[in-house]
Amino acid sequence: MKLNAVQISTVEEQLACEVIADDSSVVPRLQETFGDHTFFLSQQGLSIVETDPAQATAAANVIYLASWDEDRKSLLVHEPKVRPEAVDLTQGKSDGS
């Protein structure tokens, strides 16, 4: 899932992570491996967020795709792991008030 600027900011605030900019040299390789997503790096590793089409909410699942090695210099790809908490993509949106 590709996120807009407001959604990216919301995810960064809620998860203490940083987006990997679309113009980063690693994005084409990430997209080739994992698909067209907005990618984030955190203390835990590489993740994406995905909404659940079966849910009628703005909550998105956080999915970890790779974890840091012991030296925190490389990412080790593993089976996708869904993080227990979801991200509320409506936070930070103006409600017109």
PDB file of N, CA and C in Angstrom:
ATOM      1  N   MET A   1       0.850  -1.165   0.000  1.00  0.00           N
ATOM      2  CA  MET A   1       0.000   0.000   0.000  1.00  0.00           C
ATOM      3  C   MET A   1       0.900   1.233   0.000  1.00  0.00           C
ATOM      4  N   LYS A   2       0.627   2.140  -0.922  1.00  0.00           N
ATOM      5  CA  LYS A   2       1.346   3.412  -0.946  1.00  0.00           C
ATOM      6  C   LYS A   2       0.556   4.412  -0.101  1.00  0.00           C
ATOM      7  N   LEU A   3       1.272   5.156   0.718  1.00  0.00           N
ATOM      8  CA  LEU A   3       0.646   6.118   1.618  1.00  0.00           C
ATOM      9  C   LEU A   3       0.879   7.537   1.135  1.00  0.00           C
ATOM     10  N   ASN A   4      -0.049   8.431   1.488  1.00  0.00           N
ATOM     11  CA  ASN A   4       0.151   9.846   1.185  1.00  0.00           C
ATOM     12  C   ASN A   4       0.951  10.498   2.316  1.00  0.00           C
ATOM     13  N   ALA A   5       1.279  11.753   2.163  1.00  0.00           N
ATOM     14  CA  ALA A   5       2.150  12.450   3.125  1.00  0.00           C
ATOM     15  C   ALA A   5       1.558  12.484   4.535  1.00  0.00           C
ATOM     16  N   VAL A   6       0.255  12.698   4.650  1.00  0.00           N
ATOM     17  CA  VAL A   6      -0.383  12.740   5.973  1.00  0.00           C
ATOM     18  C   VAL A   6      -0.324  11.363   6.623  1.00  0.00           C
ATOM     19  N   GLN A   7      -0.611  10.318   5.849  1.00  0.00           N
ATOM     20  CA  GLN A   7      -0.561   8.958   6.390  1.00  0.00           C
ATOM     21  C   GLN A   7       0.859   8.588   6.812  1.00  0.00           C
ATOM     22  N   ILE A   8       1.846   8.970   6.017  1.00  0.00           N
ATOM     23  CA  ILE A   8       3.246   8.694   6.361  1.00  0.00           C
ATOM     24  C   ILE A   8       3.600   9.343   7.691  1.00  0.00           C
ATOM     25  N   SER A   9       3.230  10.607   7.849  1.00  0.00           N
ATOM     26  CA  SER A   9       3.506  11.328   9.091  1.00  0.00           C
ATOM     27  C   SER A   9       2.832  10.644  10.275  1.00  0.00           C
ATOM     28  N   THR A  10       1.600  10.198  10.075  1.00  0.00           N
ATOM     29  CA  THR A  10       0.861   9.514  11.137  1.00  0.00           C
ATOM     30  C   THR A  10       1.554   8.224  11.542  1.00  0.00           C
ATOM     31  N   VAL A  11       1.988   7.441  10.571  1.00  0.00           N
ATOM     32  CA  VAL A  11       2.684   6.183  10.868  1.00  0.00           C
ATOM     33  C   VAL A  11       3.991   6.473  11.603  1.00  0.00           C
ATOM     34  N   GLU A  12       4.748   7.456  11.128  1.00  0.00           N
ATOM     35  CA  GLU A  12       6.019   7.787  11.780  1.00  0.00           C
ATOM     36  C   GLU A  12       5.810   8.172  13.242  1.00  0.00           C
ATOM     37  N   GLU A  13       4.774   8.952  13.515  1.00  0.00           N
ATOM     38  CA  GLU A  13       4.490   9.374  14.888  1.00  0.00           C
ATOM     39  C   GLU A  13       4.066   8.208  15.765  1.00  0.00           C
ATOM     40  N   GLN A  14       3.200   7.338  15.245  1.00  0.00           N
ATOM     41  CA  GLN A  14       2.663   6.251  16.051  1.00  0.00           C
ATOM     42  C   GLN A  14       3.661   5.116  16.275  1.00  0.00           C
ATOM     43  N   LEU A  15       4.588   4.925  15.342  1.00  0.00           N
ATOM     44  CA  LEU A  15       5.493   3.776  15.436  1.00  0.00           C
ATOM     45  C   LEU A  15       6.941   4.135  15.723  1.00  0.00           C
ATOM     46  N   ALA A  16       7.249   5.410  15.840  1.00  0.00           N
ATOM     47  CA  ALA A  16       8.641   5.833  16.041  1.00  0.00           C
ATOM     48  C   ALA A  16       9.531   5.210  14.964  1.00  0.00           C
ATOM     49  N   CYS A  17       9.188   5.476  13.722  1.00  0.00           N
ATOM     50  CA  CYS A  17       9.932   4.939  12.592  1.00  0.00           C
ATOM     51  C   CYS A  17      10.173   6.051  11.574  1.00  0.00           C
ATOM     52  N   GLU A  18      10.921   5.727  10.525  1.00  0.00           N
ATOM     53  CA  GLU A  18      11.182   6.687   9.459  1.00  0.00           C
ATOM     54  C   GLU A  18      10.828   6.068   8.119  1.00  0.00           C
ATOM     55  N   VAL A  19      10.213   6.866   7.272  1.00  0.00           N
ATOM     56  CA  VAL A  19       9.884   6.401   5.936  1.00  0.00           C
ATOM     57  C   VAL A  19      11.161   6.321   5.099  1.00  0.00           C
ATOM     58  N   ILE A  20      11.204   5.375   4.197  1.00  0.00           N
ATOM     59  CA  ILE A  20      12.275   5.333   3.200  1.00  0.00           C
ATOM     60  C   ILE A  20      11.731   6.101   2.002  1.00  0.00           C
ATOM     61  N   ALA A  21      12.358   7.199   1.672  1.00  0.00           N
ATOM     62  CA  ALA A  21      11.877   8.078   0.604  1.00  0.00           C
ATOM     63  C   ALA A  21      11.776   7.331  -0.720  1.00  0.00           C
ATOM     64  N   ASP A  22      10.750   7.655  -1.487  1.00  0.00           N
ATOM     65  CA  ASP A  22      10.532   6.999  -2.778  1.00  0.00           C
ATOM     66  C   ASP A  22      11.713   7.151  -3.727  1.00  0.00           C
ATOM     67  N   ASP A  23      12.492   8.222  -3.566  1.00  0.00           N
ATOM     68  CA  ASP A  23      13.629   8.434  -4.468  1.00  0.00           C
ATOM     69  C   ASP A  23      14.923   7.793  -3.952  1.00  0.00           C
ATOM     70  N   SER A  24      14.830   7.029  -2.863  1.00  0.00           N
ATOM     71  CA  SER A  24      16.004   6.325  -2.347  1.00  0.00           C
ATOM     72  C   SER A  24      16.417   5.237  -3.337  1.00  0.00           C
ATOM     73  N   SER A  25      17.715   5.018  -3.433  1.00  0.00           N
ATOM     74  CA  SER A  25      18.228   4.013  -4.372  1.00  0.00           C
ATOM     75  C   SER A  25      17.818   2.586  -4.004  1.00  0.00           C
ATOM     76  N   VAL A  26      17.377   2.351  -2.767  1.00  0.00           N
ATOM     77  CA  VAL A  26      16.977   1.001  -2.357  1.00  0.00           C
ATOM     78  C   VAL A  26      15.519   0.682  -2.679  1.00  0.00           C
ATOM     79  N   VAL A  27      14.716   1.693  -2.960  1.00  0.00           N
ATOM     80  CA  VAL A  27      13.283   1.464  -3.172  1.00  0.00           C
ATOM     81  C   VAL A  27      12.997   0.550  -4.360  1.00  0.00           C
ATOM     82  N   PRO A  28      13.640   0.706  -5.511  1.00  0.00           N
ATOM     83  CA  PRO A  28      13.334  -0.225  -6.608  1.00  0.00           C
ATOM     84  C   PRO A  28      13.562  -1.692  -6.229  1.00  0.00           C
ATOM     85  N   ARG A  29      14.612  -1.961  -5.494  1.00  0.00           N
ATOM     86  CA  ARG A  29      14.880  -3.339  -5.071  1.00  0.00           C
ATOM     87  C   ARG A  29      13.841  -3.818  -4.058  1.00  0.00           C
ATOM     88  N   LEU A  30      13.454  -2.933  -3.132  1.00  0.00           N
ATOM     89  CA  LEU A  30      12.409  -3.290  -2.169  1.00  0.00           C
ATOM     90  C   LEU A  30      11.095  -3.572  -2.883  1.00  0.00           C
ATOM     91  N   GLN A  31      10.755  -2.736  -3.861  1.00  0.00           N
ATOM     92  CA  GLN A  31       9.514  -2.937  -4.609  1.00  0.00           C
ATOM     93  C   GLN A  31       9.556  -4.227  -5.418  1.00  0.00           C
ATOM     94  N   GLU A  32      10.702  -4.545  -5.970  1.00  0.00           N
ATOM     95  CA  GLU A  32      10.853  -5.788  -6.722  1.00  0.00           C
ATOM     96  C   GLU A  32      10.630  -6.995  -5.813  1.00  0.00           C
ATOM     97  N   THR A  33      11.120  -6.890  -4.585  1.00  0.00           N
ATOM     98  CA  THR A  33      11.022  -7.994  -3.636  1.00  0.00           C
ATOM     99  C   THR A  33       9.657  -8.064  -2.951  1.00  0.00           C
ATOM    100  N   PHE A  34       9.118  -6.900  -2.541  1.00  0.00           N
ATOM    101  CA  PHE A  34       7.921  -6.887  -1.698  1.00  0.00           C
ATOM    102  C   PHE A  34       6.686  -6.267  -2.335  1.00  0.00           C
ATOM    103  N   GLY A  35       6.820  -5.636  -3.485  1.00  0.00           N
ATOM    104  CA  GLY A  35       5.684  -4.982  -4.122  1.00  0.00           C
ATOM    105  C   GLY A  35       5.706  -3.479  -3.907  1.00  0.00           C
ATOM    106  N   ASP A  36       4.689  -2.810  -4.419  1.00  0.00           N
ATOM    107  CA  ASP A  36       4.610  -1.353  -4.390  1.00  0.00           C
ATOM    108  C   ASP A  36       4.016  -0.880  -3.065  1.00  0.00           C
ATOM    109  N   HIS A  37       4.888  -0.528  -2.139  1.00  0.00           N
ATOM    110  CA  HIS A  37       4.484  -0.106  -0.796  1.00  0.00           C
ATOM    111  C   HIS A  37       5.269   1.133  -0.388  1.00  0.00           C
ATOM    112  N   THR A  38       4.832   1.752   0.688  1.00  0.00           N
ATOM    113  CA  THR A  38       5.628   2.735   1.396  1.00  0.00           C
ATOM    114  C   THR A  38       6.362   1.950   2.479  1.00  0.00           C
ATOM    115  N   PHE A  39       7.686   2.064   2.509  1.00  0.00           N
ATOM    116  CA  PHE A  39       8.509   1.276   3.421  1.00  0.00           C
ATOM    117  C   PHE A  39       8.998   2.131   4.580  1.00  0.00           C
ATOM    118  N   PHE A  40       9.079   1.511   5.759  1.00  0.00           N
ATOM    119  CA  PHE A  40       9.520   2.189   6.967  1.00  0.00           C
ATOM    120  C   PHE A  40      10.640   1.409   7.637  1.00  0.00           C
ATOM    121  N   LEU A  41      11.563   2.147   8.260  1.00  0.00           N
ATOM    122  CA  LEU A  41      12.614   1.551   9.077  1.00  0.00           C
ATOM    123  C   LEU A  41      12.411   1.965  10.525  1.00  0.00           C
ATOM    124  N   SER A  42      12.612   1.010  11.425  1.00  0.00           N
ATOM    125  CA  SER A  42      12.492   1.280  12.858  1.00  0.00           C
ATOM    126  C   SER A  42      13.540   0.468  13.592  1.00  0.00           C
ATOM    127  N   GLN A  43      13.503   0.519  14.918  1.00  0.00           N
ATOM    128  CA  GLN A  43      14.405  -0.284  15.742  1.00  0.00           C
ATOM    129  C   GLN A  43      14.208  -1.777  15.467  1.00  0.00           C
ATOM    130  N   GLN A  44      12.996  -2.166  15.078  1.00  0.00           N
ATOM    131  CA  GLN A  44      12.704  -3.570  14.824  1.00  0.00           C
ATOM    132  C   GLN A  44      13.139  -4.017  13.425  1.00  0.00           C
ATOM    133  N   GLY A  45      13.164  -3.095  12.467  1.00  0.00           N
ATOM    134  CA  GLY A  45      13.555  -3.463  11.110  1.00  0.00           C
ATOM    135  C   GLY A  45      12.728  -2.770  10.052  1.00  0.00           C
ATOM    136  N   LEU A  46      12.475  -3.488   8.960  1.00  0.00           N
ATOM    137  CA  LEU A  46      11.751  -2.974   7.800  1.00  0.00           C
ATOM    138  C   LEU A  46      10.289  -3.382   7.891  1.00  0.00           C
ATOM    139  N   SER A  47       9.394  -2.418   7.664  1.00  0.00           N
ATOM    140  CA  SER A  47       7.972  -2.733   7.729  1.00  0.00           C
ATOM    141  C   SER A  47       7.182  -1.963   6.679  1.00  0.00           C
ATOM    142  N   ILE A  48       5.946  -2.408   6.495  1.00  0.00           N
ATOM    143  CA  ILE A  48       4.956  -1.726   5.673  1.00  0.00           C
ATOM    144  C   ILE A  48       3.670  -1.690   6.474  1.00  0.00           C
ATOM    145  N   VAL A  49       2.690  -0.936   6.005  1.00  0.00           N
ATOM    146  CA  VAL A  49       1.357  -0.970   6.606  1.00  0.00           C
ATOM    147  C   VAL A  49       0.358  -1.327   5.522  1.00  0.00           C
ATOM    148  N   GLU A  50      -0.640  -2.092   5.913  1.00  0.00           N
ATOM    149  CA  GLU A  50      -1.681  -2.555   5.001  1.00  0.00           C
ATOM    150  C   GLU A  50      -3.030  -2.475   5.693  1.00  0.00           C
ATOM    151  N   THR A  51      -4.016  -1.910   5.002  1.00  0.00           N
ATOM    152  CA  THR A  51      -5.373  -1.955   5.530  1.00  0.00           C
ATOM    153  C   THR A  51      -5.966  -3.312   5.214  1.00  0.00           C
ATOM    154  N   ASP A  52      -6.943  -3.692   5.995  1.00  0.00           N
ATOM    155  CA  ASP A  52      -7.641  -4.954   5.788  1.00  0.00           C
ATOM    156  C   ASP A  52      -8.945  -4.639   5.067  1.00  0.00           C
ATOM    157  N   PRO A  53      -9.084  -5.060   3.797  1.00  0.00           N
ATOM    158  CA  PRO A  53     -10.295  -4.736   3.050  1.00  0.00           C
ATOM    159  C   PRO A  53     -11.572  -5.273   3.703  1.00  0.00           C
ATOM    160  N   ALA A  54     -11.450  -6.290   4.548  1.00  0.00           N
ATOM    161  CA  ALA A  54     -12.612  -6.846   5.229  1.00  0.00           C
ATOM    162  C   ALA A  54     -13.073  -5.965   6.388  1.00  0.00           C
ATOM    163  N   GLN A  55     -12.205  -5.060   6.828  1.00  0.00           N
ATOM    164  CA  GLN A  55     -12.532  -4.170   7.940  1.00  0.00           C
ATOM    165  C   GLN A  55     -12.984  -2.821   7.383  1.00  0.00           C
ATOM    166  N   ALA A  56     -14.001  -2.247   7.968  1.00  0.00           N
ATOM    167  CA  ALA A  56     -14.505  -0.947   7.523  1.00  0.00           C
ATOM    168  C   ALA A  56     -13.924   0.170   8.381  1.00  0.00           C
ATOM    169  N   THR A  57     -12.655   0.050   8.735  1.00  0.00           N
ATOM    170  CA  THR A  57     -12.011   1.056   9.571  1.00  0.00           C
ATOM    171  C   THR A  57     -10.784   1.599   8.856  1.00  0.00           C
ATOM    172  N   ALA A  58     -10.211   2.655   9.415  1.00  0.00           N
ATOM    173  CA  ALA A  58      -8.987   3.231   8.859  1.00  0.00           C
ATOM    174  C   ALA A  58      -7.756   2.644   9.530  1.00  0.00           C
ATOM    175  N   ALA A  59      -7.948   1.602  10.331  1.00  0.00           N
ATOM    176  CA  ALA A  59      -6.811   0.961  10.983  1.00  0.00           C
ATOM    177  C   ALA A  59      -6.033   0.152   9.962  1.00  0.00           C
ATOM    178  N   ALA A  60      -4.726   0.183  10.101  1.00  0.00           N
ATOM    179  CA  ALA A  60      -3.863  -0.567   9.191  1.00  0.00           C
ATOM    180  C   ALA A  60      -2.945  -1.467  10.006  1.00  0.00           C
ATOM    181  N   ASN A  61      -2.727  -2.662   9.507  1.00  0.00           N
ATOM    182  CA  ASN A  61      -1.808  -3.593  10.147  1.00  0.00           C
ATOM    183  C   ASN A  61      -0.375  -3.210   9.816  1.00  0.00           C
ATOM    184  N   VAL A  62       0.498  -3.351  10.791  1.00  0.00           N
ATOM    185  CA  VAL A  62       1.926  -3.142  10.589  1.00  0.00           C
ATOM    186  C   VAL A  62       2.536  -4.508  10.330  1.00  0.00           C
ATOM    187  N   ILE A  63       3.237  -4.629   9.218  1.00  0.00           N
ATOM    188  CA  ILE A  63       3.797  -5.918   8.828  1.00  0.00           C
ATOM    189  C   ILE A  63       5.309  -5.791   8.717  1.00  0.00           C
ATOM    190  N   TYR A  64       6.019  -6.544   9.556  1.00  0.00           N
ATOM    191  CA  TYR A  64       7.484  -6.549   9.508  1.00  0.00           C
ATOM    192  C   TYR A  64       7.954  -7.545   8.462  1.00  0.00           C
ATOM    193  N   LEU A  65       8.837  -7.076   7.587  1.00  0.00           N
ATOM    194  CA  LEU A  65       9.352  -7.879   6.481  1.00  0.00           C
ATOM    195  C   LEU A  65      10.783  -8.338   6.703  1.00  0.00           C
ATOM    196  N   ALA A  66      11.535  -7.578   7.498  1.00  0.00           N
ATOM    197  CA  ALA A  66      12.942  -7.890   7.744  1.00  0.00           C
ATOM    198  C   ALA A  66      13.346  -7.312   9.094  1.00  0.00           C
ATOM    199  N   SER A  67      14.248  -8.013   9.769  1.00  0.00           N
ATOM    200  CA  SER A  67      14.761  -7.572  11.073  1.00  0.00           C
ATOM    201  C   SER A  67      16.255  -7.297  10.961  1.00  0.00           C
ATOM    202  N   TRP A  68      16.747  -6.459  11.847  1.00  0.00           N
ATOM    203  CA  TRP A  68      18.178  -6.138  11.869  1.00  0.00           C
ATOM    204  C   TRP A  68      18.999  -7.342  12.307  1.00  0.00           C
ATOM    205  N   ASP A  69      20.207  -7.459  11.763  1.00  0.00           N
ATOM    206  CA  ASP A  69      21.128  -8.482  12.254  1.00  0.00           C
ATOM    207  C   ASP A  69      21.691  -8.015  13.592  1.00  0.00           C
ATOM    208  N   GLU A  70      22.531  -8.807  14.210  1.00  0.00           N
ATOM    209  CA  GLU A  70      23.066  -8.479  15.537  1.00  0.00           C
ATOM    210  C   GLU A  70      23.838  -7.175  15.566  1.00  0.00           C
ATOM    211  N   ASP A  71      24.519  -6.835  14.478  1.00  0.00           N
ATOM    212  CA  ASP A  71      25.312  -5.601  14.414  1.00  0.00           C
ATOM    213  C   ASP A  71      24.511  -4.404  13.940  1.00  0.00           C
ATOM    214  N   ARG A  72      23.246  -4.626  13.610  1.00  0.00           N
ATOM    215  CA  ARG A  72      22.360  -3.574  13.093  1.00  0.00           C
ATOM    216  C   ARG A  72      22.937  -2.909  11.838  1.00  0.00           C
ATOM    217  N   LYS A  73      23.595  -3.715  11.010  1.00  0.00           N
ATOM    218  CA  LYS A  73      24.158  -3.191   9.766  1.00  0.00           C
ATOM    219  C   LYS A  73      23.414  -3.722   8.547  1.00  0.00           C
ATOM    220  N   SER A  74      22.737  -4.844   8.712  1.00  0.00           N
ATOM    221  CA  SER A  74      22.021  -5.476   7.600  1.00  0.00           C
ATOM    222  C   SER A  74      20.644  -5.922   8.054  1.00  0.00           C
ATOM    223  N   LEU A  75      19.750  -5.967   7.099  1.00  0.00           N
ATOM    224  CA  LEU A  75      18.418  -6.472   7.370  1.00  0.00           C
ATOM    225  C   LEU A  75      18.315  -7.914   6.899  1.00  0.00           C
ATOM    226  N   LEU A  76      17.702  -8.749   7.724  1.00  0.00           N
ATOM    227  CA  LEU A  76      17.502 -10.148   7.400  1.00  0.00           C
ATOM    228  C   LEU A  76      16.020 -10.369   7.094  1.00  0.00           C
ATOM    229  N   VAL A  77      15.731 -10.704   5.852  1.00  0.00           N
ATOM    230  CA  VAL A  77      14.356 -10.922   5.420  1.00  0.00           C
ATOM    231  C   VAL A  77      13.814 -12.185   6.069  1.00  0.00           C
ATOM    232  N   HIS A  78      12.560 -12.128   6.499  1.00  0.00           N
ATOM    233  CA  HIS A  78      11.888 -13.275   7.099  1.00  0.00           C
ATOM    234  C   HIS A  78      10.440 -13.297   6.626  1.00  0.00           C
ATOM    235  N   GLU A  79       9.725 -14.325   6.998  1.00  0.00           N
ATOM    236  CA  GLU A  79       8.297 -14.375   6.675  1.00  0.00           C
ATOM    237  C   GLU A  79       7.637 -13.128   7.270  1.00  0.00           C
ATOM    238  N   PRO A  80       6.708 -12.509   6.548  1.00  0.00           N
ATOM    239  CA  PRO A  80       6.025 -11.332   7.099  1.00  0.00           C
ATOM    240  C   PRO A  80       5.384 -11.630   8.447  1.00  0.00           C
ATOM    241  N   LYS A  81       5.582 -10.705   9.390  1.00  0.00           N
ATOM    242  CA  LYS A  81       5.029 -10.844  10.733  1.00  0.00           C
ATOM    243  C   LYS A  81       4.141  -9.639  11.010  1.00  0.00           C
ATOM    244  N   VAL A  82       2.897  -9.893  11.343  1.00  0.00           N
ATOM    245  CA  VAL A  82       1.968  -8.817  11.657  1.00  0.00           C
ATOM    246  C   VAL A  82       2.185  -8.388  13.098  1.00  0.00           C
ATOM    247  N   ARG A  83       2.414  -7.102  13.282  1.00  0.00           N
ATOM    248  CA  ARG A  83       2.595  -6.549  14.627  1.00  0.00           C
ATOM    249  C   ARG A  83       1.238  -6.542  15.344  1.00  0.00           C
ATOM    250  N   PRO A  84       1.227  -6.757  16.658  1.00  0.00           N
ATOM    251  CA  PRO A  84      -0.054  -6.862  17.380  1.00  0.00           C
ATOM    252  C   PRO A  84      -0.915  -5.597  17.320  1.00  0.00           C
ATOM    253  N   GLU A  85      -0.321  -4.429  17.336  1.00  0.00           N
ATOM    254  CA  GLU A  85      -1.132  -3.215  17.320  1.00  0.00           C
ATOM    255  C   GLU A  85      -1.263  -2.690  15.885  1.00  0.00           C
ATOM    256  N   ALA A  86      -2.365  -1.992  15.655  1.00  0.00           N
ATOM    257  CA  ALA A  86      -2.624  -1.400  14.344  1.00  0.00           C
ATOM    258  C   ALA A  86      -2.310   0.096  14.384  1.00  0.00           C
ATOM    259  N   VAL A  87      -2.202   0.678  13.218  1.00  0.00           N
ATOM    260  CA  VAL A  87      -1.978   2.112  13.085  1.00  0.00           C
ATOM    261  C   VAL A  87      -3.288   2.752  12.665  1.00  0.00           C
ATOM    262  N   ASP A  88      -3.663   3.839  13.337  1.00  0.00           N
ATOM    263  CA  ASP A  88      -4.879   4.570  12.979  1.00  0.00           C
ATOM    264  C   ASP A  88      -4.514   5.624  11.948  1.00  0.00           C
ATOM    265  N   LEU A  89      -4.867   5.388  10.691  1.00  0.00           N
ATOM    266  CA  LEU A  89      -4.495   6.307   9.628  1.00  0.00           C
ATOM    267  C   LEU A  89      -5.345   7.580   9.604  1.00  0.00           C
ATOM    268  N   THR A  90      -6.352   7.681  10.462  1.00  0.00           N
ATOM    269  CA  THR A  90      -7.151   8.905  10.506  1.00  0.00           C
ATOM    270  C   THR A  90      -6.546   9.945  11.443  1.00  0.00           C
ATOM    271  N   GLN A  91      -5.642   9.532  12.325  1.00  0.00           N
ATOM    272  CA  GLN A  91      -5.020  10.497  13.237  1.00  0.00           C
ATOM    273  C   GLN A  91      -4.263  11.527  12.425  1.00  0.00           C
ATOM    274  N   GLY A  92      -4.343  12.768  12.867  1.00  0.00           N
ATOM    275  CA  GLY A  92      -3.614  13.827  12.189  1.00  0.00           C
ATOM    276  C   GLY A  92      -4.413  14.475  11.076  1.00  0.00           C
ATOM    277  N   LYS A  93      -5.550  13.880  10.688  1.00  0.00           N
ATOM    278  CA  LYS A  93      -6.384  14.491   9.662  1.00  0.00           C
ATOM    279  C   LYS A  93      -7.200  15.602  10.284  1.00  0.00           C
ATOM    280  N   SER A  94      -7.401  16.635   9.526  1.00  0.00           N
ATOM    281  CA  SER A  94      -8.238  17.731   9.989  1.00  0.00           C
ATOM    282  C   SER A  94      -9.699  17.319   9.891  1.00  0.00           C
ATOM    283  N   ASP A  95     -10.476  17.622  10.937  1.00  0.00           N
ATOM    284  CA  ASP A  95     -11.904  17.298  10.899  1.00  0.00           C
ATOM    285  C   ASP A  95     -12.757  18.504  10.564  1.00  0.00           C
ATOM    286  N   GLY A  96     -12.081  19.602  10.180  1.00  0.00           N
ATOM    287  CA  GLY A  96     -12.802  20.804   9.795  1.00  0.00           C
ATOM    288  C   GLY A  96     -13.162  21.681  10.969  1.00  0.00           C
ATOM    289  N   SER A  97     -12.783  21.331  12.193  1.00  0.00           N
ATOM    290  CA  SER A  97     -13.109  22.138  13.376  1.00  0.00           C
ATOM    291  C   SER A  97     -12.176  23.299  13.516  1.00  0.00           C
TER     292      SER A  97
END
